[in-house]
Amino acid sequence: MRRIAIVLVLALLAGCGSQAPAPAGPVGSEVEVIELPPPETSGTMSIEQTLASRRSVRQFTSEPLSEEELSQLLWAAQGVTSRAGKRTAPSAGGLYPLELYVADHTGVHRYVPRDHALELRTAEDLRPALHDAALGQDAIADAAAVFAVTAVEARTEAKYGNRAERYVKLEGGHAAQNLLLQAVALELGAVPIGAFGDLEIQRVLDLPAEEEPLYLIAVGHPSGSP
């Protein structure tokens, strides 16, 4: 993966507002951006085989994910699949309220779908802290990578009002299932986890108050039986 330092420039224009998501780091700071390998759009396992083989796996070896595996999993969950910006998972109104993070031994990164790249949030390995926030579930501590699916409901609420909560949580499920099936196709193990303290996950990942954690997905090379 090629790493590039990008300086975020603050537009100092009086009265200017922005609806864009907040940057990954402090305004004016350098944010490390990692270009991911391009995803594959064909494979050797059929969708029927992945569905038949999908099981929750909670035991993993210590082997980290490769750059290609990481790239493929992120793309499966939220990758861009058209020039118009459409993604792998359906989104009500094409409003894309989801954010996707990955925590591994290198730190925590935020996925940027339009660039198929990662923005470094912290170089600290936060899997132990995520493990504690997820009620001590060993799969979180042992996984090669923990993916966090979060959502900014306001992006959908502006159009759909009180239906937004339903649409956003359905979308989180779409993205999670994509990632789980991609893990099967890569011969990896994965388990989705919804038992965690929301405020604790927000604190560990340093999320804005309006960004809600929906899912944690532990992924790694399987050890033992599902």
C-alpha atoms as a PDB file:
ATOM      1  CA  MET A   1       0.000   0.000   0.000  1.00  0.00           C
ATOM      2  CA  ARG A   2       1.331   3.416  -0.916  1.00  0.00           C
ATOM      3  CA  ARG A   3       1.257   5.974   1.887  1.00  0.00           C
ATOM      4  CA  ILE A   4       0.832   9.677   1.213  1.00  0.00           C
ATOM      5  CA  ALA A   5       0.735  12.549   3.715  1.00  0.00           C
ATOM      6  CA  ILE A   6      -2.009  15.003   2.829  1.00  0.00           C
ATOM      7  CA  VAL A   7      -2.357  18.392   4.469  1.00  0.00           C
ATOM      8  CA  LEU A   8      -5.960  19.327   5.177  1.00  0.00           C
ATOM      9  CA  VAL A   9      -6.457  22.998   4.326  1.00  0.00           C
ATOM     10  CA  LEU A  10      -9.026  25.055   6.210  1.00  0.00           C
ATOM     11  CA  ALA A  11     -10.937  27.525   4.001  1.00  0.00           C
ATOM     12  CA  LEU A  12     -10.985  30.677   6.096  1.00  0.00           C
ATOM     13  CA  LEU A  13     -14.053  32.266   4.563  1.00  0.00           C
ATOM     14  CA  ALA A  14     -16.387  34.121   6.880  1.00  0.00           C
ATOM     15  CA  GLY A  15     -19.836  32.593   7.107  1.00  0.00           C
ATOM     16  CA  CYS A  16     -18.967  29.503   5.056  1.00  0.00           C
ATOM     17  CA  GLY A  17     -20.541  26.263   6.263  1.00  0.00           C
ATOM     18  CA  SER A  18     -20.100  22.684   5.136  1.00  0.00           C
ATOM     19  CA  GLN A  19     -22.268  19.575   5.238  1.00  0.00           C
ATOM     20  CA  ALA A  20     -19.319  17.265   4.545  1.00  0.00           C
ATOM     21  CA  PRO A  21     -18.263  14.759   7.225  1.00  0.00           C
ATOM     22  CA  ALA A  22     -15.612  15.996   9.629  1.00  0.00           C
ATOM     23  CA  PRO A  23     -12.028  15.220   8.613  1.00  0.00           C
ATOM     24  CA  ALA A  24     -10.262  12.289  10.238  1.00  0.00           C
ATOM     25  CA  GLY A  25      -7.802  14.470  12.154  1.00  0.00           C
ATOM     26  CA  PRO A  26      -7.611  18.021  13.441  1.00  0.00           C
ATOM     27  CA  VAL A  27      -8.063  20.688  10.798  1.00  0.00           C
ATOM     28  CA  GLY A  28      -4.700  21.842   9.531  1.00  0.00           C
ATOM     29  CA  SER A  29      -2.938  18.626  10.560  1.00  0.00           C
ATOM     30  CA  GLU A  30      -1.327  16.061   8.310  1.00  0.00           C
ATOM     31  CA  VAL A  31      -3.377  12.923   7.784  1.00  0.00           C
ATOM     32  CA  GLU A  32      -1.683   9.800   6.503  1.00  0.00           C
ATOM     33  CA  VAL A  33      -3.593   8.350   3.564  1.00  0.00           C
ATOM     34  CA  ILE A  34      -3.028   4.769   2.438  1.00  0.00           C
ATOM     35  CA  GLU A  35      -3.879   3.798  -1.123  1.00  0.00           C
ATOM     36  CA  LEU A  36      -5.340   0.289  -1.205  1.00  0.00           C
ATOM     37  CA  PRO A  37      -4.700  -2.298  -3.923  1.00  0.00           C
ATOM     38  CA  PRO A  38      -7.531  -2.349  -6.477  1.00  0.00           C
ATOM     39  CA  PRO A  39     -10.313  -4.822  -5.617  1.00  0.00           C
ATOM     40  CA  GLU A  40     -11.019  -7.930  -7.648  1.00  0.00           C
ATOM     41  CA  THR A  41     -14.442  -8.146  -9.289  1.00  0.00           C
ATOM     42  CA  SER A  42     -14.271 -11.854 -10.158  1.00  0.00           C
ATOM     43  CA  GLY A  43     -13.412 -14.850  -8.039  1.00  0.00           C
ATOM     44  CA  THR A  44     -13.359 -18.630  -7.865  1.00  0.00           C
ATOM     45  CA  MET A  45     -16.258 -19.087  -5.421  1.00  0.00           C
ATOM     46  CA  SER A  46     -19.877 -18.620  -6.459  1.00  0.00           C
ATOM     47  CA  ILE A  47     -22.347 -16.600  -4.438  1.00  0.00           C
ATOM     48  CA  GLU A  48     -24.222 -19.838  -3.736  1.00  0.00           C
ATOM     49  CA  GLN A  49     -21.073 -21.378  -2.266  1.00  0.00           C
ATOM     50  CA  THR A  50     -20.388 -18.382  -0.057  1.00  0.00           C
ATOM     51  CA  LEU A  51     -23.952 -18.443   1.267  1.00  0.00           C
ATOM     52  CA  ALA A  52     -23.759 -22.155   1.993  1.00  0.00           C
ATOM     53  CA  SER A  53     -20.370 -21.808   3.707  1.00  0.00           C
ATOM     54  CA  ARG A  54     -20.989 -18.718   5.810  1.00  0.00           C
ATOM     55  CA  ARG A  55     -20.625 -19.416   9.517  1.00  0.00           C
ATOM     56  CA  SER A  56     -19.656 -17.273  12.474  1.00  0.00           C
ATOM     57  CA  VAL A  57     -16.006 -17.893  13.322  1.00  0.00           C
ATOM     58  CA  ARG A  58     -14.652 -16.725  16.664  1.00  0.00           C
ATOM     59  CA  GLN A  59     -11.233 -18.358  16.829  1.00  0.00           C
ATOM     60  CA  PHE A  60      -8.353 -16.975  14.793  1.00  0.00           C
ATOM     61  CA  THR A  61      -4.650 -17.492  14.245  1.00  0.00           C
ATOM     62  CA  SER A  62      -2.202 -14.640  14.836  1.00  0.00           C
ATOM     63  CA  GLU A  63      -1.632 -14.139  11.095  1.00  0.00           C
ATOM     64  CA  PRO A  64      -2.471 -10.579   9.971  1.00  0.00           C
ATOM     65  CA  LEU A  65      -4.592  -9.816   6.936  1.00  0.00           C
ATOM     66  CA  SER A  66      -2.745  -9.080   3.729  1.00  0.00           C
ATOM     67  CA  GLU A  67      -3.126  -5.731   1.982  1.00  0.00           C
ATOM     68  CA  GLU A  68      -5.172  -7.449  -0.725  1.00  0.00           C
ATOM     69  CA  GLU A  69      -7.503  -9.102   1.796  1.00  0.00           C
ATOM     70  CA  LEU A  70      -8.024  -5.840   3.647  1.00  0.00           C
ATOM     71  CA  SER A  71      -8.721  -4.020   0.382  1.00  0.00           C
ATOM     72  CA  GLN A  72     -11.242  -6.611  -0.751  1.00  0.00           C
ATOM     73  CA  LEU A  73     -13.154  -6.655   2.534  1.00  0.00           C
ATOM     74  CA  LEU A  74     -13.459  -2.877   2.687  1.00  0.00           C
ATOM     75  CA  TRP A  75     -14.577  -2.701  -0.935  1.00  0.00           C
ATOM     76  CA  ALA A  76     -17.164  -5.450  -0.382  1.00  0.00           C
ATOM     77  CA  ALA A  77     -18.733  -3.492   2.470  1.00  0.00           C
ATOM     78  CA  GLN A  78     -18.725   0.041   1.038  1.00  0.00           C
ATOM     79  CA  GLY A  79     -16.777   0.139  -2.217  1.00  0.00           C
ATOM     80  CA  VAL A  80     -17.738   2.346  -5.139  1.00  0.00           C
ATOM     81  CA  THR A  81     -18.991   0.419  -8.162  1.00  0.00           C
ATOM     82  CA  SER A  82     -19.964   3.109 -10.674  1.00  0.00           C
ATOM     83  CA  ARG A  83     -18.880   6.500 -11.948  1.00  0.00           C
ATOM     84  CA  ALA A  84     -21.992   7.937 -10.312  1.00  0.00           C
ATOM     85  CA  GLY A  85     -20.673   6.826  -6.918  1.00  0.00           C
ATOM     86  CA  LYS A  86     -22.985   3.866  -6.349  1.00  0.00           C
ATOM     87  CA  ARG A  87     -21.703   1.382  -3.789  1.00  0.00           C
ATOM     88  CA  THR A  88     -21.712  -2.347  -3.167  1.00  0.00           C
ATOM     89  CA  ALA A  89     -24.459  -2.007  -0.527  1.00  0.00           C
ATOM     90  CA  PRO A  90     -27.817  -0.320  -1.279  1.00  0.00           C
ATOM     91  CA  SER A  91     -28.567   2.979   0.436  1.00  0.00           C
ATOM     92  CA  ALA A  92     -31.943   4.689   0.790  1.00  0.00           C
ATOM     93  CA  GLY A  93     -31.901   7.702  -1.517  1.00  0.00           C
ATOM     94  CA  GLY A  94     -28.219   7.141  -2.263  1.00  0.00           C
ATOM     95  CA  LEU A  95     -27.395   9.182   0.850  1.00  0.00           C
ATOM     96  CA  TYR A  96     -24.750   6.815   2.289  1.00  0.00           C
ATOM     97  CA  PRO A  97     -24.915   7.467   6.034  1.00  0.00           C
ATOM     98  CA  LEU A  98     -22.431   4.706   6.877  1.00  0.00           C
ATOM     99  CA  GLU A  99     -18.808   5.097   7.905  1.00  0.00           C
ATOM    100  CA  LEU A 100     -16.390   2.171   8.022  1.00  0.00           C
ATOM    101  CA  TYR A 101     -13.309   1.801  10.215  1.00  0.00           C
ATOM    102  CA  VAL A 102     -10.775  -0.979  10.601  1.00  0.00           C
ATOM    103  CA  ALA A 103      -8.636  -1.624  13.678  1.00  0.00           C
ATOM    104  CA  ASP A 104      -5.594  -3.874  13.503  1.00  0.00           C
ATOM    105  CA  HIS A 105      -2.003  -4.036  14.713  1.00  0.00           C
ATOM    106  CA  THR A 106      -1.127  -0.909  12.699  1.00  0.00           C
ATOM    107  CA  GLY A 107      -3.808   1.254  14.328  1.00  0.00           C
ATOM    108  CA  VAL A 108      -7.267   2.463  13.343  1.00  0.00           C
ATOM    109  CA  HIS A 109      -8.105   3.681   9.850  1.00  0.00           C
ATOM    110  CA  ARG A 110     -11.231   5.173   8.264  1.00  0.00           C
ATOM    111  CA  TYR A 111     -12.215   3.889   4.828  1.00  0.00           C
ATOM    112  CA  VAL A 112     -12.692   6.489   2.078  1.00  0.00           C
ATOM    113  CA  PRO A 113     -14.861   4.793  -0.578  1.00  0.00           C
ATOM    114  CA  ARG A 114     -14.464   7.375  -3.348  1.00  0.00           C
ATOM    115  CA  ASP A 115     -10.673   6.952  -3.287  1.00  0.00           C
ATOM    116  CA  HIS A 116     -10.553   3.315  -2.160  1.00  0.00           C
ATOM    117  CA  ALA A 117      -8.111   4.457   0.485  1.00  0.00           C
ATOM    118  CA  LEU A 118      -7.633   4.581   4.232  1.00  0.00           C
ATOM    119  CA  GLU A 119      -7.132   7.597   6.485  1.00  0.00           C
ATOM    120  CA  LEU A 120      -5.116   7.004   9.626  1.00  0.00           C
ATOM    121  CA  ARG A 121      -7.008   7.900  12.791  1.00  0.00           C
ATOM    122  CA  THR A 122      -4.444   6.602  15.283  1.00  0.00           C
ATOM    123  CA  ALA A 123      -1.370   4.384  15.128  1.00  0.00           C
ATOM    124  CA  GLU A 124      -2.359   2.763  18.443  1.00  0.00           C
ATOM    125  CA  ASP A 125      -3.650  -0.809  18.401  1.00  0.00           C
ATOM    126  CA  LEU A 126      -7.124  -0.347  19.902  1.00  0.00           C
ATOM    127  CA  ARG A 127      -8.308  -3.941  19.634  1.00  0.00           C
ATOM    128  CA  PRO A 128      -7.825  -4.488  23.399  1.00  0.00           C
ATOM    129  CA  ALA A 129      -9.955  -1.412  24.124  1.00  0.00           C
ATOM    130  CA  LEU A 130     -12.601  -2.567  21.642  1.00  0.00           C
ATOM    131  CA  HIS A 131     -12.531  -5.970  23.343  1.00  0.00           C
ATOM    132  CA  ASP A 132     -13.319  -4.330  26.677  1.00  0.00           C
ATOM    133  CA  ALA A 133     -16.086  -2.194  25.125  1.00  0.00           C
ATOM    134  CA  ALA A 134     -17.564  -5.342  23.569  1.00  0.00           C
ATOM    135  CA  LEU A 135     -18.107  -7.020  26.955  1.00  0.00           C
ATOM    136  CA  GLY A 136     -14.823  -8.917  26.842  1.00  0.00           C
ATOM    137  CA  GLN A 137     -15.581 -11.036  23.776  1.00  0.00           C
ATOM    138  CA  ASP A 138     -12.367 -12.859  22.858  1.00  0.00           C
ATOM    139  CA  ALA A 139     -13.036 -12.752  19.103  1.00  0.00           C
ATOM    140  CA  ILE A 140     -12.428  -8.989  19.181  1.00  0.00           C
ATOM    141  CA  ALA A 141      -9.068  -9.326  20.916  1.00  0.00           C
ATOM    142  CA  ASP A 142      -7.907 -12.281  18.809  1.00  0.00           C
ATOM    143  CA  ALA A 143      -9.006 -11.129  15.349  1.00  0.00           C
ATOM    144  CA  ALA A 144      -6.478  -9.880  12.822  1.00  0.00           C
ATOM    145  CA  ALA A 145      -8.783  -6.934  12.171  1.00  0.00           C
ATOM    146  CA  VAL A 146     -11.943  -5.504  13.674  1.00  0.00           C
ATOM    147  CA  PHE A 147     -14.229  -3.600  11.308  1.00  0.00           C
ATOM    148  CA  ALA A 148     -16.563  -1.026  12.821  1.00  0.00           C
ATOM    149  CA  VAL A 149     -19.679   0.001  10.898  1.00  0.00           C
ATOM    150  CA  THR A 150     -21.021   3.332  12.130  1.00  0.00           C
ATOM    151  CA  ALA A 151     -23.699   5.711  10.869  1.00  0.00           C
ATOM    152  CA  VAL A 152     -24.551   9.388  10.744  1.00  0.00           C
ATOM    153  CA  GLU A 153     -28.338   9.155  10.741  1.00  0.00           C
ATOM    154  CA  ALA A 154     -28.792  12.862   9.969  1.00  0.00           C
ATOM    155  CA  ARG A 155     -27.642  12.268   6.382  1.00  0.00           C
ATOM    156  CA  THR A 156     -30.709  10.104   5.799  1.00  0.00           C
ATOM    157  CA  GLU A 157     -33.066  11.903   8.155  1.00  0.00           C
ATOM    158  CA  ALA A 158     -32.932  15.095   6.082  1.00  0.00           C
ATOM    159  CA  LYS A 159     -34.900  13.270   3.361  1.00  0.00           C
ATOM    160  CA  TYR A 160     -36.757  10.490   5.151  1.00  0.00           C
ATOM    161  CA  GLY A 161     -37.563  11.955   8.547  1.00  0.00           C
ATOM    162  CA  ASN A 162     -38.523   9.434  11.220  1.00  0.00           C
ATOM    163  CA  ARG A 163     -38.046   6.522   8.788  1.00  0.00           C
ATOM    164  CA  ALA A 164     -34.332   7.262   8.718  1.00  0.00           C
ATOM    165  CA  GLU A 165     -33.463   5.107  11.731  1.00  0.00           C
ATOM    166  CA  ARG A 166     -34.957   2.034  10.070  1.00  0.00           C
ATOM    167  CA  TYR A 167     -33.287   2.694   6.716  1.00  0.00           C
ATOM    168  CA  VAL A 168     -29.886   3.350   8.255  1.00  0.00           C
ATOM    169  CA  LYS A 169     -29.883   0.177  10.342  1.00  0.00           C
ATOM    170  CA  LEU A 170     -31.018  -1.900   7.383  1.00  0.00           C
ATOM    171  CA  GLU A 171     -28.143  -0.421   5.408  1.00  0.00           C
ATOM    172  CA  GLY A 172     -25.711  -1.378   8.141  1.00  0.00           C
ATOM    173  CA  GLY A 173     -26.928  -4.957   7.797  1.00  0.00           C
ATOM    174  CA  HIS A 174     -26.441  -4.880   4.023  1.00  0.00           C
ATOM    175  CA  ALA A 175     -22.834  -3.732   4.393  1.00  0.00           C
ATOM    176  CA  ALA A 176     -22.082  -6.244   7.148  1.00  0.00           C
ATOM    177  CA  GLN A 177     -23.420  -9.178   5.136  1.00  0.00           C
ATOM    178  CA  ASN A 178     -21.357  -8.115   2.128  1.00  0.00           C
ATOM    179  CA  LEU A 179     -18.241  -8.143   4.284  1.00  0.00           C
ATOM    180  CA  LEU A 180     -19.101 -11.510   5.833  1.00  0.00           C
ATOM    181  CA  LEU A 181     -19.645 -13.147   2.450  1.00  0.00           C
ATOM    182  CA  GLN A 182     -16.438 -11.649   1.098  1.00  0.00           C
ATOM    183  CA  ALA A 183     -14.586 -13.115   4.073  1.00  0.00           C
ATOM    184  CA  VAL A 184     -15.893 -16.564   3.146  1.00  0.00           C
ATOM    185  CA  ALA A 185     -14.768 -16.100  -0.472  1.00  0.00           C
ATOM    186  CA  LEU A 186     -11.287 -15.200   0.807  1.00  0.00           C
ATOM    187  CA  GLU A 187     -11.262 -18.289   3.083  1.00  0.00           C
ATOM    188  CA  LEU A 188     -11.219 -16.071   6.153  1.00  0.00           C
ATOM    189  CA  GLY A 189     -13.257 -16.364   9.319  1.00  0.00           C
ATOM    190  CA  ALA A 190     -15.553 -13.619  10.575  1.00  0.00           C
ATOM    191  CA  VAL A 191     -18.199 -12.933  13.185  1.00  0.00           C
ATOM    192  CA  PRO A 192     -20.561  -9.946  13.473  1.00  0.00           C
ATOM    193  CA  ILE A 193     -20.935  -8.530  16.976  1.00  0.00           C
ATOM    194  CA  GLY A 194     -23.680  -6.254  18.221  1.00  0.00           C
ATOM    195  CA  ALA A 195     -23.126  -6.646  21.971  1.00  0.00           C
ATOM    196  CA  PHE A 196     -21.139  -3.607  23.036  1.00  0.00           C
ATOM    197  CA  GLY A 197     -21.509  -0.338  24.855  1.00  0.00           C
ATOM    198  CA  ASP A 198     -22.327   2.354  22.319  1.00  0.00           C
ATOM    199  CA  LEU A 199     -20.747   5.153  24.326  1.00  0.00           C
ATOM    200  CA  GLU A 200     -17.656   3.060  24.979  1.00  0.00           C
ATOM    201  CA  ILE A 201     -17.184   2.357  21.255  1.00  0.00           C
ATOM    202  CA  GLN A 202     -17.695   6.040  20.481  1.00  0.00           C
ATOM    203  CA  ARG A 203     -15.030   6.912  23.022  1.00  0.00           C
ATOM    204  CA  VAL A 204     -12.518   4.300  21.864  1.00  0.00           C
ATOM    205  CA  LEU A 205     -12.858   5.264  18.197  1.00  0.00           C
ATOM    206  CA  ASP A 206     -13.130   8.982  19.016  1.00  0.00           C
ATOM    207  CA  LEU A 207     -16.364   9.297  17.039  1.00  0.00           C
ATOM    208  CA  PRO A 208     -18.381  12.524  16.798  1.00  0.00           C
ATOM    209  CA  ALA A 209     -21.473  12.614  19.009  1.00  0.00           C
ATOM    210  CA  GLU A 210     -23.775  12.272  15.975  1.00  0.00           C
ATOM    211  CA  GLU A 211     -22.019   9.121  14.713  1.00  0.00           C
ATOM    212  CA  GLU A 212     -23.543   5.906  16.063  1.00  0.00           C
ATOM    213  CA  PRO A 213     -21.799   2.510  16.137  1.00  0.00           C
ATOM    214  CA  LEU A 214     -23.938  -0.204  14.544  1.00  0.00           C
ATOM    215  CA  TYR A 215     -21.738  -3.280  14.202  1.00  0.00           C
ATOM    216  CA  LEU A 216     -18.335  -4.718  14.993  1.00  0.00           C
ATOM    217  CA  ILE A 217     -17.062  -7.481  12.702  1.00  0.00           C
ATOM    218  CA  ALA A 218     -14.055  -9.517  13.779  1.00  0.00           C
ATOM    219  CA  VAL A 219     -12.109 -11.026  10.874  1.00  0.00           C
ATOM    220  CA  GLY A 220      -9.045 -13.241  10.699  1.00  0.00           C
ATOM    221  CA  HIS A 221      -7.592 -16.508   9.529  1.00  0.00           C
ATOM    222  CA  PRO A 222      -9.677 -19.241  11.147  1.00  0.00           C
ATOM    223  CA  SER A 223      -8.286 -21.534  13.802  1.00  0.00           C
ATOM    224  CA  GLY A 224     -10.268 -24.661  14.607  1.00  0.00           C
ATOM    225  CA  SER A 225     -13.914 -25.338  13.791  1.00  0.00           C
ATOM    226  CA  PRO A 226     -16.572 -22.578  13.458  1.00  0.00           C
END
